[in-house]
Amino acid sequence: MKKQPELPDFVRDLEIVQSLNRRMMGTKDLSEDRKVKEDPEISDTSM
């Protein structure tokens, strides 16, 4: 079992933040697309 070189905390945090941002952006894009598709019908019936 090879020993991992220790990363400085800020580097590890940066990688975590970037992966979280990527995940959030991905889910946000999906939900935005879904919202855009559903919105016209919802706004039409509510008007």
N, C-alpha and C. Protein backbone atom coordinates (compact mmCIF):
# COMPACT_ATOMS: atom_id res chain seq x y z
N MET A 1 0.85 -1.19 0.00
CA MET A 1 0.00 0.00 0.00
C MET A 1 0.89 1.25 0.00
N LYS A 2 0.73 2.04 -1.07
CA LYS A 2 1.56 3.24 -1.17
C LYS A 2 1.01 4.35 -0.30
N LYS A 3 1.94 5.11 0.28
CA LYS A 3 1.51 6.23 1.13
C LYS A 3 1.24 7.45 0.25
N GLN A 4 0.06 8.01 0.41
CA GLN A 4 -0.29 9.20 -0.36
C GLN A 4 0.51 10.39 0.15
N PRO A 5 1.06 11.20 -0.74
CA PRO A 5 1.70 12.43 -0.29
C PRO A 5 0.65 13.36 0.30
N GLU A 6 0.97 13.95 1.43
CA GLU A 6 0.00 14.84 2.09
C GLU A 6 -0.18 16.12 1.29
N LEU A 7 -1.43 16.41 0.99
CA LEU A 7 -1.72 17.68 0.32
C LEU A 7 -1.90 18.77 1.35
N PRO A 8 -1.50 19.97 1.04
CA PRO A 8 -1.82 21.09 1.95
C PRO A 8 -3.34 21.23 2.05
N ASP A 9 -3.80 21.67 3.21
CA ASP A 9 -5.24 21.74 3.43
C ASP A 9 -5.95 22.55 2.37
N PHE A 10 -5.39 23.70 2.01
CA PHE A 10 -6.09 24.56 1.07
C PHE A 10 -6.23 23.90 -0.30
N VAL A 11 -5.24 23.08 -0.68
CA VAL A 11 -5.34 22.39 -1.97
C VAL A 11 -6.47 21.36 -1.91
N ARG A 12 -6.51 20.60 -0.81
CA ARG A 12 -7.56 19.59 -0.67
C ARG A 12 -8.92 20.27 -0.63
N ASP A 13 -9.04 21.36 0.13
CA ASP A 13 -10.31 22.08 0.20
C ASP A 13 -10.71 22.58 -1.18
N LEU A 14 -9.75 23.11 -1.93
CA LEU A 14 -10.05 23.63 -3.25
C LEU A 14 -10.61 22.53 -4.14
N GLU A 15 -9.99 21.35 -4.10
CA GLU A 15 -10.49 20.24 -4.92
C GLU A 15 -11.90 19.86 -4.50
N ILE A 16 -12.16 19.81 -3.19
CA ILE A 16 -13.49 19.47 -2.70
C ILE A 16 -14.50 20.51 -3.18
N VAL A 17 -14.14 21.77 -3.04
CA VAL A 17 -15.05 22.85 -3.46
C VAL A 17 -15.33 22.75 -4.95
N GLN A 18 -14.29 22.50 -5.73
CA GLN A 18 -14.49 22.42 -7.18
C GLN A 18 -15.40 21.26 -7.54
N SER A 19 -15.21 20.10 -6.92
CA SER A 19 -16.06 18.96 -7.23
C SER A 19 -17.50 19.23 -6.79
N LEU A 20 -17.66 19.87 -5.63
CA LEU A 20 -19.02 20.22 -5.18
C LEU A 20 -19.65 21.21 -6.15
N ASN A 21 -18.90 22.22 -6.56
CA ASN A 21 -19.43 23.19 -7.52
C ASN A 21 -19.85 22.51 -8.81
N ARG A 22 -19.01 21.58 -9.28
CA ARG A 22 -19.34 20.89 -10.52
C ARG A 22 -20.65 20.12 -10.35
N ARG A 23 -20.78 19.43 -9.19
CA ARG A 23 -21.99 18.65 -8.96
C ARG A 23 -23.20 19.57 -8.88
N MET A 24 -23.05 20.68 -8.14
CA MET A 24 -24.17 21.62 -7.99
C MET A 24 -24.55 22.22 -9.34
N MET A 25 -23.56 22.60 -10.13
CA MET A 25 -23.84 23.16 -11.45
C MET A 25 -24.58 22.14 -12.30
N GLY A 26 -24.13 20.89 -12.26
CA GLY A 26 -24.78 19.85 -13.05
C GLY A 26 -26.24 19.68 -12.66
N THR A 27 -26.51 19.56 -11.36
CA THR A 27 -27.89 19.37 -10.93
C THR A 27 -28.70 20.62 -11.21
N LYS A 28 -28.08 21.78 -11.05
CA LYS A 28 -28.78 23.03 -11.31
C LYS A 28 -29.19 23.10 -12.78
N ASP A 29 -28.26 22.75 -13.67
CA ASP A 29 -28.58 22.78 -15.10
C ASP A 29 -29.74 21.85 -15.41
N LEU A 30 -29.72 20.65 -14.83
CA LEU A 30 -30.80 19.70 -15.09
C LEU A 30 -32.13 20.25 -14.61
N SER A 31 -32.16 20.77 -13.38
CA SER A 31 -33.42 21.27 -12.83
C SER A 31 -33.88 22.50 -13.61
N GLU A 32 -32.94 23.34 -14.04
CA GLU A 32 -33.32 24.52 -14.83
C GLU A 32 -33.98 24.08 -16.13
N ASP A 33 -33.40 23.10 -16.81
CA ASP A 33 -33.99 22.62 -18.06
C ASP A 33 -35.39 22.10 -17.81
N ARG A 34 -35.56 21.31 -16.75
CA ARG A 34 -36.86 20.74 -16.44
C ARG A 34 -37.86 21.86 -16.16
N LYS A 35 -37.40 22.85 -15.38
CA LYS A 35 -38.26 23.97 -15.01
C LYS A 35 -38.70 24.72 -16.27
N VAL A 36 -37.77 24.95 -17.17
CA VAL A 36 -38.10 25.68 -18.40
C VAL A 36 -39.15 24.91 -19.20
N LYS A 37 -39.01 23.59 -19.25
CA LYS A 37 -39.98 22.79 -20.01
C LYS A 37 -41.35 22.82 -19.35
N GLU A 38 -41.38 22.75 -18.00
CA GLU A 38 -42.67 22.70 -17.31
C GLU A 38 -43.31 24.08 -17.18
N ASP A 39 -42.49 25.13 -17.11
CA ASP A 39 -43.00 26.47 -16.82
C ASP A 39 -44.14 26.95 -17.71
N PRO A 40 -44.03 26.88 -19.03
CA PRO A 40 -45.10 27.43 -19.87
C PRO A 40 -46.48 26.92 -19.49
N GLU A 41 -46.63 25.62 -19.32
CA GLU A 41 -47.94 25.07 -18.96
C GLU A 41 -48.42 25.62 -17.63
N ILE A 42 -47.51 25.65 -16.64
CA ILE A 42 -47.89 26.11 -15.30
C ILE A 42 -48.32 27.58 -15.36
N SER A 43 -47.53 28.42 -16.03
CA SER A 43 -47.86 29.85 -16.08
C SER A 43 -49.14 30.06 -16.88
N ASP A 44 -49.36 29.26 -17.92
CA ASP A 44 -50.58 29.42 -18.72
C ASP A 44 -51.82 29.13 -17.89
N THR A 45 -51.79 28.04 -17.11
CA THR A 45 -52.98 27.68 -16.33
C THR A 45 -53.19 28.65 -15.17
N SER A 46 -52.10 29.19 -14.62
CA SER A 46 -52.25 30.07 -13.45
C SER A 46 -52.71 31.47 -13.87
N MET A 47 -52.49 31.86 -15.12
CA MET A 47 -52.88 33.21 -15.56
C MET A 47 -54.40 33.30 -15.70
